[in-house]
Structure formats: structure tokens, C-alpha cells
C-alpha atoms as a PDB file:
ATOM      1  CA  UNK A   1      78.491  94.175  98.264  1.00  0.00           C
ATOM      2  CA  UNK A   2      81.033  92.286  96.077  1.00  0.00           C
ATOM      3  CA  UNK A   3      80.586  88.988  95.187  1.00  0.00           C
ATOM      4  CA  UNK A   4      84.148  87.758  96.842  1.00  0.00           C
ATOM      5  CA  UNK A   5      83.137  89.798 100.158  1.00  0.00           C
ATOM      6  CA  UNK A   6      82.930  88.235 103.608  1.00  0.00           C
ATOM      7  CA  UNK A   7      79.254  89.155 103.519  1.00  0.00           C
ATOM      8  CA  UNK A   8      78.381  86.517 100.895  1.00  0.00           C
ATOM      9  CA  UNK A   9      80.473  83.773 102.733  1.00  0.00           C
ATOM     10  CA  UNK A  10      78.708  80.952 104.499  1.00  0.00           C
ATOM     11  CA  UNK A  11      78.031  81.495 108.267  1.00  0.00           C
ATOM     12  CA  UNK A  12      78.676  77.579 109.475  1.00  0.00           C
ATOM     13  CA  UNK A  13      76.076  78.402 112.264  1.00  0.00           C
ATOM     14  CA  UNK A  14      73.398  80.393 109.876  1.00  0.00           C
ATOM     15  CA  UNK A  15      70.338  79.205 107.648  1.00  0.00           C
ATOM     16  CA  UNK A  16      73.417  78.967 104.712  1.00  0.00           C
ATOM     17  CA  UNK A  17      75.154  75.706 106.231  1.00  0.00           C
ATOM     18  CA  UNK A  18      72.191  73.959 106.092  1.00  0.00           C
ATOM     19  CA  UNK A  19      72.822  71.879 102.679  1.00  0.00           C
ATOM     20  CA  UNK A  20      75.470  70.453 105.615  1.00  0.00           C
ATOM     21  CA  UNK A  21      72.745  69.390 107.819  1.00  0.00           C
ATOM     22  CA  UNK A  22      70.765  67.859 105.865  1.00  0.00           C
ATOM     23  CA  UNK A  23      73.244  65.989 103.586  1.00  0.00           C
ATOM     24  CA  UNK A  24      73.533  64.344 107.323  1.00  0.00           C
ATOM     25  CA  UNK A  25      70.260  62.910 106.636  1.00  0.00           C
ATOM     26  CA  UNK A  26      70.056  62.627 102.760  1.00  0.00           C
ATOM     27  CA  UNK A  27      72.948  60.754 102.480  1.00  0.00           C
ATOM     28  CA  UNK A  28      71.240  57.561 104.759  1.00  0.00           C
ATOM     29  CA  UNK A  29      68.674  57.515 101.916  1.00  0.00           C
ATOM     30  CA  UNK A  30      70.645  57.087  99.172  1.00  0.00           C
ATOM     31  CA  UNK A  31      74.255  55.578 100.349  1.00  0.00           C
ATOM     32  CA  UNK A  32      76.096  53.901  97.863  1.00  0.00           C
ATOM     33  CA  UNK A  33      77.387  51.455 100.229  1.00  0.00           C
ATOM     34  CA  UNK A  34      75.782  48.224  97.825  1.00  0.00           C
ATOM     35  CA  UNK A  35      77.292  45.111  96.755  1.00  0.00           C
ATOM     36  CA  UNK A  36      77.580  47.094  92.737  1.00  0.00           C
ATOM     37  CA  UNK A  37      80.089  48.882  94.357  1.00  0.00           C
ATOM     38  CA  UNK A  38      82.929  45.860  95.220  1.00  0.00           C
ATOM     39  CA  UNK A  39      82.410  44.210  92.085  1.00  0.00           C
ATOM     40  CA  UNK A  40      83.814  47.814  89.870  1.00  0.00           C
ATOM     41  CA  UNK A  41      86.421  47.624  91.450  1.00  0.00           C
ATOM     42  CA  UNK A  42      86.720  44.252  91.327  1.00  0.00           C
ATOM     43  CA  UNK A  43      86.722  44.938  87.610  1.00  0.00           C
ATOM     44  CA  UNK A  44      88.338  47.679  87.098  1.00  0.00           C
ATOM     45  CA  UNK A  45      91.439  46.301  88.699  1.00  0.00           C
ATOM     46  CA  UNK A  46      91.622  41.901  87.756  1.00  0.00           C
ATOM     47  CA  UNK A  47      94.315  41.746  85.546  1.00  0.00           C
ATOM     48  CA  UNK A  48      94.340  40.737  81.834  1.00  0.00           C
ATOM     49  CA  UNK A  49      93.913  36.996  80.618  1.00  0.00           C
ATOM     50  CA  UNK A  50      96.516  34.631  79.863  1.00  0.00           C
ATOM     51  CA  UNK A  51      96.418  34.215  75.747  1.00  0.00           C
ATOM     52  CA  UNK A  52      93.509  31.474  75.486  1.00  0.00           C
ATOM     53  CA  UNK A  53      92.299  31.852  78.652  1.00  0.00           C
ATOM     54  CA  UNK A  54      89.004  33.939  80.084  1.00  0.00           C
ATOM     55  CA  UNK A  55      89.079  36.376  81.995  1.00  0.00           C
ATOM     56  CA  UNK A  56      88.589  36.274  86.158  1.00  0.00           C
ATOM     57  CA  UNK A  57      85.119  38.128  85.707  1.00  0.00           C
ATOM     58  CA  UNK A  58      83.331  38.384  82.989  1.00  0.00           C
ATOM     59  CA  UNK A  59      80.904  40.461  83.619  1.00  0.00           C
ATOM     60  CA  UNK A  60      79.498  42.327  87.692  1.00  0.00           C
ATOM     61  CA  UNK A  61      77.150  39.442  87.865  1.00  0.00           C
ATOM     62  CA  UNK A  62      79.920  36.334  87.030  1.00  0.00           C
ATOM     63  CA  UNK A  63      81.661  38.533  89.760  1.00  0.00           C
ATOM     64  CA  UNK A  64      79.345  38.842  91.920  1.00  0.00           C
ATOM     65  CA  UNK A  65      78.798  35.036  92.243  1.00  0.00           C
ATOM     66  CA  UNK A  66      82.050  34.465  92.243  1.00  0.00           C
ATOM     67  CA  UNK A  67      82.602  36.351  95.765  1.00  0.00           C
ATOM     68  CA  UNK A  68      79.930  34.722  97.349  1.00  0.00           C
ATOM     69  CA  UNK A  69      80.602  31.201  96.312  1.00  0.00           C
ATOM     70  CA  UNK A  70      84.446  31.865  98.102  1.00  0.00           C
ATOM     71  CA  UNK A  71      84.196  34.438 101.209  1.00  0.00           C
ATOM     72  CA  UNK A  72      80.017  34.664 101.133  1.00  0.00           C
ATOM     73  CA  UNK A  73      77.859  37.270 101.568  1.00  0.00           C
ATOM     74  CA  UNK A  74      80.270  39.941 103.828  1.00  0.00           C
ATOM     75  CA  UNK A  75      82.798  39.122 100.963  1.00  0.00           C
ATOM     76  CA  UNK A  76      80.685  41.500  99.167  1.00  0.00           C
ATOM     77  CA  UNK A  77      81.359  44.390 101.985  1.00  0.00           C
ATOM     78  CA  UNK A  78      84.936  44.258 101.937  1.00  0.00           C
ATOM     79  CA  UNK A  79      86.500  47.361 102.652  1.00  0.00           C
ATOM     80  CA  UNK A  80      82.886  49.213 103.257  1.00  0.00           C
ATOM     81  CA  UNK A  81      84.086  50.696 106.570  1.00  0.00           C
ATOM     82  CA  UNK A  82      86.321  53.454 105.723  1.00  0.00           C
ATOM     83  CA  UNK A  83      83.467  54.759 103.202  1.00  0.00           C
ATOM     84  CA  UNK A  84      80.211  54.138 105.503  1.00  0.00           C
ATOM     85  CA  UNK A  85      82.341  56.047 107.950  1.00  0.00           C
ATOM     86  CA  UNK A  86      83.319  59.111 105.619  1.00  0.00           C
ATOM     87  CA  UNK A  87      80.242  59.100 103.183  1.00  0.00           C
ATOM     88  CA  UNK A  88      78.549  61.609 105.521  1.00  0.00           C
ATOM     89  CA  UNK A  89      81.545  63.642 105.600  1.00  0.00           C
ATOM     90  CA  UNK A  90      81.936  63.890 102.138  1.00  0.00           C
ATOM     91  CA  UNK A  91      78.807  64.175 100.894  1.00  0.00           C
ATOM     92  CA  UNK A  92      78.515  67.900 103.107  1.00  0.00           C
ATOM     93  CA  UNK A  93      81.305  69.056 102.394  1.00  0.00           C
ATOM     94  CA  UNK A  94      80.193  68.359  98.657  1.00  0.00           C
ATOM     95  CA  UNK A  95      76.937  69.911  99.535  1.00  0.00           C
ATOM     96  CA  UNK A  96      78.621  72.968 100.860  1.00  0.00           C
ATOM     97  CA  UNK A  97      81.646  73.650  98.457  1.00  0.00           C
ATOM     98  CA  UNK A  98      79.006  73.553  95.727  1.00  0.00           C
ATOM     99  CA  UNK A  99      76.977  76.506  98.284  1.00  0.00           C
ATOM    100  CA  UNK A 100      79.978  78.169  98.858  1.00  0.00           C
ATOM    101  CA  UNK A 101      80.365  78.214  95.029  1.00  0.00           C
ATOM    102  CA  UNK A 102      76.740  80.173  94.494  1.00  0.00           C
ATOM    103  CA  UNK A 103      77.464  82.054  96.606  1.00  0.00           C
ATOM    104  CA  UNK A 104      81.092  83.983  95.780  1.00  0.00           C
ATOM    105  CA  UNK A 105      79.983  84.136  91.953  1.00  0.00           C
ATOM    106  CA  UNK A 106      76.635  86.317  93.352  1.00  0.00           C
ATOM    107  CA  UNK A 107      75.419  89.902  93.524  1.00  0.00           C
ATOM    108  CA  UNK A 108      72.305  89.075  96.467  1.00  0.00           C
ATOM    109  CA  UNK A 109      71.382  86.028  97.252  1.00  0.00           C
ATOM    110  CA  UNK A 110      68.499  85.467  94.978  1.00  0.00           C
ATOM    111  CA  UNK A 111      70.079  86.191  91.659  1.00  0.00           C
ATOM    112  CA  UNK A 112      69.584  83.445  89.616  1.00  0.00           C
ATOM    113  CA  UNK A 113      73.323  81.447  88.274  1.00  0.00           C
ATOM    114  CA  UNK A 114      73.700  80.483  84.815  1.00  0.00           C
ATOM    115  CA  UNK A 115      74.251  77.127  83.249  1.00  0.00           C
ATOM    116  CA  UNK A 116      78.117  77.689  83.689  1.00  0.00           C
ATOM    117  CA  UNK A 117      78.419  78.960  86.799  1.00  0.00           C
ATOM    118  CA  UNK A 118      76.727  76.295  88.276  1.00  0.00           C
ATOM    119  CA  UNK A 119      79.197  74.060  86.675  1.00  0.00           C
ATOM    120  CA  UNK A 120      81.910  76.220  88.065  1.00  0.00           C
ATOM    121  CA  UNK A 121      79.985  75.953  91.275  1.00  0.00           C
ATOM    122  CA  UNK A 122      79.960  71.763  90.993  1.00  0.00           C
ATOM    123  CA  UNK A 123      83.563  72.106  90.163  1.00  0.00           C
ATOM    124  CA  UNK A 124      84.610  73.280  93.563  1.00  0.00           C
ATOM    125  CA  UNK A 125      82.774  70.333  95.135  1.00  0.00           C
ATOM    126  CA  UNK A 126      84.354  68.134  93.764  1.00  0.00           C
ATOM    127  CA  UNK A 127      87.621  69.951  94.576  1.00  0.00           C
ATOM    128  CA  UNK A 128      85.927  70.270  98.409  1.00  0.00           C
ATOM    129  CA  UNK A 129      84.672  66.497  98.574  1.00  0.00           C
ATOM    130  CA  UNK A 130      88.276  65.241  97.168  1.00  0.00           C
ATOM    131  CA  UNK A 131      90.169  66.213 100.280  1.00  0.00           C
ATOM    132  CA  UNK A 132      88.132  63.558 102.208  1.00  0.00           C
ATOM    133  CA  UNK A 133      87.285  61.258  99.737  1.00  0.00           C
ATOM    134  CA  UNK A 134      91.101  60.507  98.163  1.00  0.00           C
ATOM    135  CA  UNK A 135      92.626  58.121 101.052  1.00  0.00           C
ATOM    136  CA  UNK A 136      88.860  56.224 101.500  1.00  0.00           C
ATOM    137  CA  UNK A 137      88.699  55.366  97.997  1.00  0.00           C
ATOM    138  CA  UNK A 138      92.789  54.320  98.639  1.00  0.00           C
ATOM    139  CA  UNK A 139      92.329  52.462 101.669  1.00  0.00           C
ATOM    140  CA  UNK A 140      88.792  51.213 100.351  1.00  0.00           C
ATOM    141  CA  UNK A 141      90.544  49.560  97.319  1.00  0.00           C
ATOM    142  CA  UNK A 142      93.438  47.639  98.769  1.00  0.00           C
ATOM    143  CA  UNK A 143      91.386  45.946 100.869  1.00  0.00           C
ATOM    144  CA  UNK A 144      88.662  45.016  98.253  1.00  0.00           C
ATOM    145  CA  UNK A 145      91.414  43.313  95.800  1.00  0.00           C
ATOM    146  CA  UNK A 146      93.658  41.826  98.745  1.00  0.00           C
ATOM    147  CA  UNK A 147      92.249  39.336  98.250  1.00  0.00           C
ATOM    148  CA  UNK A 148      93.403  37.458  95.278  1.00  0.00           C
ATOM    149  CA  UNK A 149      96.625  38.109  96.907  1.00  0.00           C
ATOM    150  CA  UNK A 150      96.603  36.974 100.747  1.00  0.00           C
ATOM    151  CA  UNK A 151      95.335  39.572 103.632  1.00  0.00           C
ATOM    152  CA  UNK A 152      97.769  41.714 104.338  1.00  0.00           C
ATOM    153  CA  UNK A 153      95.669  44.290 105.881  1.00  0.00           C
ATOM    154  CA  UNK A 154      92.968  43.313 108.909  1.00  0.00           C
ATOM    155  CA  UNK A 155      91.209  46.023 108.533  1.00  0.00           C
ATOM    156  CA  UNK A 156      90.754  49.908 107.770  1.00  0.00           C
ATOM    157  CA  UNK A 157      92.710  51.308 110.516  1.00  0.00           C
ATOM    158  CA  UNK A 158      95.952  48.560 109.959  1.00  0.00           C
ATOM    159  CA  UNK A 159      95.483  49.152 105.990  1.00  0.00           C
ATOM    160  CA  UNK A 160      95.671  53.144 107.221  1.00  0.00           C
ATOM    161  CA  UNK A 161      98.870  52.362 109.554  1.00  0.00           C
ATOM    162  CA  UNK A 162     100.683  50.507 107.400  1.00  0.00           C
ATOM    163  CA  UNK A 163      99.951  52.826 103.999  1.00  0.00           C
ATOM    164  CA  UNK A 164     101.461  55.312 106.862  1.00  0.00           C
ATOM    165  CA  UNK A 165     104.757  53.415 108.394  1.00  0.00           C
ATOM    166  CA  UNK A 166     105.403  52.202 104.700  1.00  0.00           C
ATOM    167  CA  UNK A 167     105.505  55.807 102.782  1.00  0.00           C
ATOM    168  CA  UNK A 168     103.927  58.523 105.291  1.00  0.00           C
ATOM    169  CA  UNK A 169     101.568  61.004 104.044  1.00  0.00           C
ATOM    170  CA  UNK A 170     102.471  60.658 100.555  1.00  0.00           C
ATOM    171  CA  UNK A 171     101.511  56.536 100.337  1.00  0.00           C
ATOM    172  CA  UNK A 172      97.897  57.505 101.922  1.00  0.00           C
ATOM    173  CA  UNK A 173      96.947  59.685  99.135  1.00  0.00           C
ATOM    174  CA  UNK A 174      98.003  58.041  96.136  1.00  0.00           C
ATOM    175  CA  UNK A 175      95.983  58.762  93.557  1.00  0.00           C
ATOM    176  CA  UNK A 176      94.771  62.180  94.630  1.00  0.00           C
ATOM    177  CA  UNK A 177      95.145  64.031  91.150  1.00  0.00           C
ATOM    178  CA  UNK A 178      93.188  60.902  89.973  1.00  0.00           C
ATOM    179  CA  UNK A 179      90.104  61.351  92.055  1.00  0.00           C
ATOM    180  CA  UNK A 180      90.343  65.260  91.698  1.00  0.00           C
ATOM    181  CA  UNK A 181      90.196  64.133  87.693  1.00  0.00           C
ATOM    182  CA  UNK A 182      87.246  61.671  88.406  1.00  0.00           C
ATOM    183  CA  UNK A 183      85.446  64.276  90.710  1.00  0.00           C
ATOM    184  CA  UNK A 184      86.116  67.541  89.851  1.00  0.00           C
ATOM    185  CA  UNK A 185      84.154  67.765  85.737  1.00  0.00           C
ATOM    186  CA  UNK A 186      81.863  64.557  87.366  1.00  0.00           C
ATOM    187  CA  UNK A 187      80.970  66.845  90.167  1.00  0.00           C
ATOM    188  CA  UNK A 188      80.479  69.488  88.180  1.00  0.00           C
ATOM    189  CA  UNK A 189      78.448  67.859  85.900  1.00  0.00           C
ATOM    190  CA  UNK A 190      76.312  66.474  88.408  1.00  0.00           C
ATOM    191  CA  UNK A 191      74.985  69.827  90.548  1.00  0.00           C
ATOM    192  CA  UNK A 192      74.557  71.447  87.131  1.00  0.00           C
ATOM    193  CA  UNK A 193      72.476  68.057  85.938  1.00  0.00           C
ATOM    194  CA  UNK A 194      70.041  68.368  89.071  1.00  0.00           C
ATOM    195  CA  UNK A 195      69.870  72.129  89.002  1.00  0.00           C
ATOM    196  CA  UNK A 196      68.907  71.777  85.353  1.00  0.00           C
ATOM    197  CA  UNK A 197      66.662  69.302  85.274  1.00  0.00           C
ATOM    198  CA  UNK A 198      64.905  70.971  88.542  1.00  0.00           C
ATOM    199  CA  UNK A 199      63.983  73.614  86.446  1.00  0.00           C
ATOM    200  CA  UNK A 200      63.185  71.855  83.789  1.00  0.00           C
ATOM    201  CA  UNK A 201      60.459  69.636  85.387  1.00  0.00           C
ATOM    202  CA  UNK A 202      59.417  73.020  87.709  1.00  0.00           C
ATOM    203  CA  UNK A 203      55.872  73.686  86.319  1.00  0.00           C
ATOM    204  CA  UNK A 204      54.943  76.989  85.154  1.00  0.00           C
ATOM    205  CA  UNK A 205      54.219  79.859  88.288  1.00  0.00           C
ATOM    206  CA  UNK A 206      55.673  77.237  90.418  1.00  0.00           C
ATOM    207  CA  UNK A 207      59.355  77.253  92.551  1.00  0.00           C
ATOM    208  CA  UNK A 208      61.654  74.464  92.833  1.00  0.00           C
ATOM    209  CA  UNK A 209      60.903  74.110  96.005  1.00  0.00           C
ATOM    210  CA  UNK A 210      57.434  73.058  95.336  1.00  0.00           C
ATOM    211  CA  UNK A 211      58.853  69.879  92.860  1.00  0.00           C
ATOM    212  CA  UNK A 212      57.051  66.718  93.498  1.00  0.00           C
ATOM    213  CA  UNK A 213      58.959  63.381  94.639  1.00  0.00           C
ATOM    214  CA  UNK A 214      58.559  61.375  91.733  1.00  0.00           C
ATOM    215  CA  UNK A 215      60.434  64.781  90.186  1.00  0.00           C
ATOM    216  CA  UNK A 216      62.625  65.252  92.138  1.00  0.00           C
ATOM    217  CA  UNK A 217      63.596  61.008  92.261  1.00  0.00           C
ATOM    218  CA  UNK A 218      64.017  62.233  88.206  1.00  0.00           C
ATOM    219  CA  UNK A 219      66.475  64.857  87.980  1.00  0.00           C
ATOM    220  CA  UNK A 220      68.401  63.356  91.354  1.00  0.00           C
ATOM    221  CA  UNK A 221      68.880  60.333  89.513  1.00  0.00           C
ATOM    222  CA  UNK A 222      69.374  61.034  86.380  1.00  0.00           C
ATOM    223  CA  UNK A 223      72.092  63.795  87.603  1.00  0.00           C
ATOM    224  CA  UNK A 224      73.474  60.310  88.842  1.00  0.00           C
ATOM    225  CA  UNK A 225      74.443  58.585  85.630  1.00  0.00           C
ATOM    226  CA  UNK A 226      75.858  61.776  83.973  1.00  0.00           C
ATOM    227  CA  UNK A 227      77.887  61.937  86.511  1.00  0.00           C
ATOM    228  CA  UNK A 228      79.142  58.591  86.462  1.00  0.00           C
ATOM    229  CA  UNK A 229      78.810  58.932  82.809  1.00  0.00           C
ATOM    230  CA  UNK A 230      81.840  61.228  83.379  1.00  0.00           C
ATOM    231  CA  UNK A 231      83.802  59.719  86.198  1.00  0.00           C
ATOM    232  CA  UNK A 232      83.786  55.664  85.179  1.00  0.00           C
ATOM    233  CA  UNK A 233      87.538  56.302  83.106  1.00  0.00           C
ATOM    234  CA  UNK A 234      89.208  57.501  85.908  1.00  0.00           C
ATOM    235  CA  UNK A 235      87.715  55.753  87.957  1.00  0.00           C
ATOM    236  CA  UNK A 236      89.230  52.879  86.309  1.00  0.00           C
ATOM    237  CA  UNK A 237      92.589  54.027  86.097  1.00  0.00           C
ATOM    238  CA  UNK A 238      92.642  55.432  90.047  1.00  0.00           C
ATOM    239  CA  UNK A 239      91.462  52.193  90.688  1.00  0.00           C
ATOM    240  CA  UNK A 240      94.616  50.872  88.979  1.00  0.00           C
ATOM    241  CA  UNK A 241      96.861  52.834  90.318  1.00  0.00           C
ATOM    242  CA  UNK A 242      95.638  52.892  93.940  1.00  0.00           C
ATOM    243  CA  UNK A 243      95.656  49.389  94.096  1.00  0.00           C
ATOM    244  CA  UNK A 244      98.830  48.706  92.347  1.00  0.00           C
ATOM    245  CA  UNK A 245     102.698  47.632  93.592  1.00  0.00           C
ATOM    246  CA  UNK A 246     105.179  51.191  94.736  1.00  0.00           C
ATOM    247  CA  UNK A 247     107.146  51.489  91.601  1.00  0.00           C
ATOM    248  CA  UNK A 248     105.179  50.000  89.217  1.00  0.00           C
ATOM    249  CA  UNK A 249     103.860  52.851  87.420  1.00  0.00           C
ATOM    250  CA  UNK A 250     107.138  55.334  87.191  1.00  0.00           C
ATOM    251  CA  UNK A 251     105.210  58.167  85.110  1.00  0.00           C
ATOM    252  CA  UNK A 252     102.028  58.025  87.099  1.00  0.00           C
ATOM    253  CA  UNK A 253      98.670  58.531  85.199  1.00  0.00           C
ATOM    254  CA  UNK A 254     100.649  57.897  81.453  1.00  0.00           C
ATOM    255  CA  UNK A 255     101.484  54.674  82.146  1.00  0.00           C
ATOM    256  CA  UNK A 256      98.248  53.682  83.552  1.00  0.00           C
ATOM    257  CA  UNK A 257      96.526  54.520  80.397  1.00  0.00           C
ATOM    258  CA  UNK A 258      98.349  53.202  78.478  1.00  0.00           C
ATOM    259  CA  UNK A 259      98.050  49.816  80.156  1.00  0.00           C
ATOM    260  CA  UNK A 260      94.604  50.120  80.705  1.00  0.00           C
ATOM    261  CA  UNK A 261      94.300  50.833  77.262  1.00  0.00           C
ATOM    262  CA  UNK A 262      96.829  49.040  76.059  1.00  0.00           C
ATOM    263  CA  UNK A 263      94.259  45.543  77.921  1.00  0.00           C
ATOM    264  CA  UNK A 264      91.572  46.217  75.353  1.00  0.00           C
ATOM    265  CA  UNK A 265      90.999  49.891  73.377  1.00  0.00           C
ATOM    266  CA  UNK A 266      89.235  52.604  74.979  1.00  0.00           C
ATOM    267  CA  UNK A 267      86.468  50.217  75.628  1.00  0.00           C
ATOM    268  CA  UNK A 268      89.071  49.223  78.424  1.00  0.00           C
ATOM    269  CA  UNK A 269      88.120  52.872  80.666  1.00  0.00           C
ATOM    270  CA  UNK A 270      84.605  51.997  80.886  1.00  0.00           C
ATOM    271  CA  UNK A 271      84.974  48.622  83.391  1.00  0.00           C
ATOM    272  CA  UNK A 272      82.704  48.328  85.484  1.00  0.00           C
ATOM    273  CA  UNK A 273      80.046  50.198  84.059  1.00  0.00           C
ATOM    274  CA  UNK A 274      77.084  47.830  84.345  1.00  0.00           C
ATOM    275  CA  UNK A 275      77.974  47.878  87.943  1.00  0.00           C
ATOM    276  CA  UNK A 276      77.996  51.390  88.767  1.00  0.00           C
ATOM    277  CA  UNK A 277      75.231  52.854  86.129  1.00  0.00           C
ATOM    278  CA  UNK A 278      73.027  49.482  88.297  1.00  0.00           C
ATOM    279  CA  UNK A 279      73.288  52.021  91.753  1.00  0.00           C
ATOM    280  CA  UNK A 280      73.630  55.175  90.520  1.00  0.00           C
ATOM    281  CA  UNK A 281      70.416  55.935  89.634  1.00  0.00           C
ATOM    282  CA  UNK A 282      68.178  54.538  92.752  1.00  0.00           C
ATOM    283  CA  UNK A 283      70.595  55.933  95.169  1.00  0.00           C
ATOM    284  CA  UNK A 284      71.015  59.144  93.517  1.00  0.00           C
ATOM    285  CA  UNK A 285      67.279  60.002  93.540  1.00  0.00           C
ATOM    286  CA  UNK A 286      66.792  58.908  97.248  1.00  0.00           C
ATOM    287  CA  UNK A 287      69.784  60.922  98.295  1.00  0.00           C
ATOM    288  CA  UNK A 288      68.564  64.365  96.660  1.00  0.00           C
ATOM    289  CA  UNK A 289      64.712  63.561  98.121  1.00  0.00           C
ATOM    290  CA  UNK A 290      66.238  63.244 101.311  1.00  0.00           C
ATOM    291  CA  UNK A 291      67.723  66.069 100.863  1.00  0.00           C
ATOM    292  CA  UNK A 292      65.224  68.403  99.359  1.00  0.00           C
ATOM    293  CA  UNK A 293      62.406  67.355 102.055  1.00  0.00           C
ATOM    294  CA  UNK A 294      65.107  68.411 104.966  1.00  0.00           C
ATOM    295  CA  UNK A 295      65.728  71.600 103.179  1.00  0.00           C
ATOM    296  CA  UNK A 296      61.926  71.684 103.160  1.00  0.00           C
ATOM    297  CA  UNK A 297      61.836  71.042 106.854  1.00  0.00           C
ATOM    298  CA  UNK A 298      64.623  73.056 108.063  1.00  0.00           C
ATOM    299  CA  UNK A 299      62.862  76.217 105.832  1.00  0.00           C
ATOM    300  CA  UNK A 300      59.926  75.006 107.964  1.00  0.00           C
ATOM    301  CA  UNK A 301      61.507  74.882 111.647  1.00  0.00           C
ATOM    302  CA  UNK A 302      63.487  78.006 110.870  1.00  0.00           C
ATOM    303  CA  UNK A 303      62.187  80.721 107.567  1.00  0.00           C
ATOM    304  CA  UNK A 304      65.334  82.058 106.228  1.00  0.00           C
ATOM    305  CA  UNK A 305      65.470  85.702 107.817  1.00  0.00           C
END
């Protein structure tokens, strides 16, 4: 059939939709909801130090210590309710988008894809996930940085309600373009790296579905590192823009980029890098392992036709 014919599209109730089911299992295995996620946003949005003064946080560990000393251990988990509720559907949509992107480029179900085609499928996955991730990131970032300026928002639902009251849907989806700029290329690299490493690590004469757990962990963890190596500059800009008062950045992306680079050059685009990388490998390694093991279980329970 023609590559984009209806016959090639995934049936939500068919075997081809199993990536969405698998994600419901793999997300708890590789959840990113850890203290480094909190320190990442704080490091990215902290104001520049005054001349002759030290920055508010000198690094991820310093941010961790000061937050615990001021707000206790629970202070490390501010703003986590929204990501906890959204992480499963966001990741499920990303995996579904990747599966759909692959199928749209195939003329037959068993056709192998080139690296360029895998990257393109990953780009589509990034677009899909942003539809949910953008407002979640907006709420999360606002809740995490509000400690230094008083508590305007009591929680995710209160934040959502006030954002809608003040600026409507636009206020909730503020920063969507920067989220796309972060997630579309990064997700393309993410899935491309994982699929390429799986192929590289598969012993001759064996199938990828027979790959051992340590090799899956290596491929998944490395994919997570590559994902964030691409995503971190746009993530810094996104966090700064989403937490800024209304009207601060009149020209949007250009004003944010000019301010961030003006504070410390290109290096400023990598604020929070150590905090991100600290969790990227183990979280994504566990996520892909959970995904692959669940896929194998579903294949055993319901063989493909």
C-alpha cells in the first residue's frame, strides 16, 4: 500500500498501539521526578549576581543544600504534582508519535528505516509530546521559582486557574515555541541514538528483540545524554521565558537569548547542565528497559498477526 494510506496508520486498539501501553509501565521505572530536576530550573532562572557578589547558587549541590536548609526536603519537590500527573501521557504520546512516524515512511511493516527516517520519526514524536508538555512545564517552573518572591500559587490547579484568569489560553501555553525548539530536535536525536545503538549492540545473527538488559540500559542511558546535550540551551531559554513577568521580553526569543548570553556568554546557555546529566542516564536507561521488557511481554501474550 501507499506509505500514507489509511491501512498504514496505527489502529488505537490494535497491536501496533502497544507502545502507548508499554509507556504506562516504563515511565514509573525511569521517572525524572528527582531533586536534580528542581535544581536545574533554579539554576537556569536565578538572577545574575551584583558586581562583587557571589551568585545565589554556585552549582547544583549548593542549590540542593540551600533549598533543604530553607524549606526542608519537601522543598526539592515543589511543582512536581503537574509533571507526575502528565509524565505518563506525555511519554506515551511521544512513543506513539515515533511509532506513527516510522509507519508513515514504510511501504511494508518489516521495512528497515534509514537513520534520516528514524530522526524524522523522532521529530514527529517531539511535536506530539509538546501539546501536553508545554503547559505542564509552564506550571512546574512557576511553582519551583516562586519561593524567593513569595507564594502566589498554592498548587498546580491554583496556578492553572490564575494563569487562565490573567491571560487565557495564551498564558497557559506561554513558551510553547521554545518548548518545540527544545523538544523537536532533541527527541529526534533521542530516538535516533537509541535505535542506532540497539542495532550496533545487537550480536550478529540475533534480533534486536533479543538484546540483553545491560545493552538496553546502555543504549537508553546514552540516548538520554544525547537528548539533553541538544535540549539544554533551549531549555534554559524556555525556563527563563516561562517564569518571567508579563511584558518583560517584548520580542520573545530574541530578548531572552540576548539577556542570557549577556550574563555570561555562550556558557550561560548550559546552566544546570550537571544537574540534567546527573539524572539523564539512569532515568532514560530505566525507562527504555521497562519499555522493552513490557513490549516483549505483550508480544508473548498477544503475538503480532
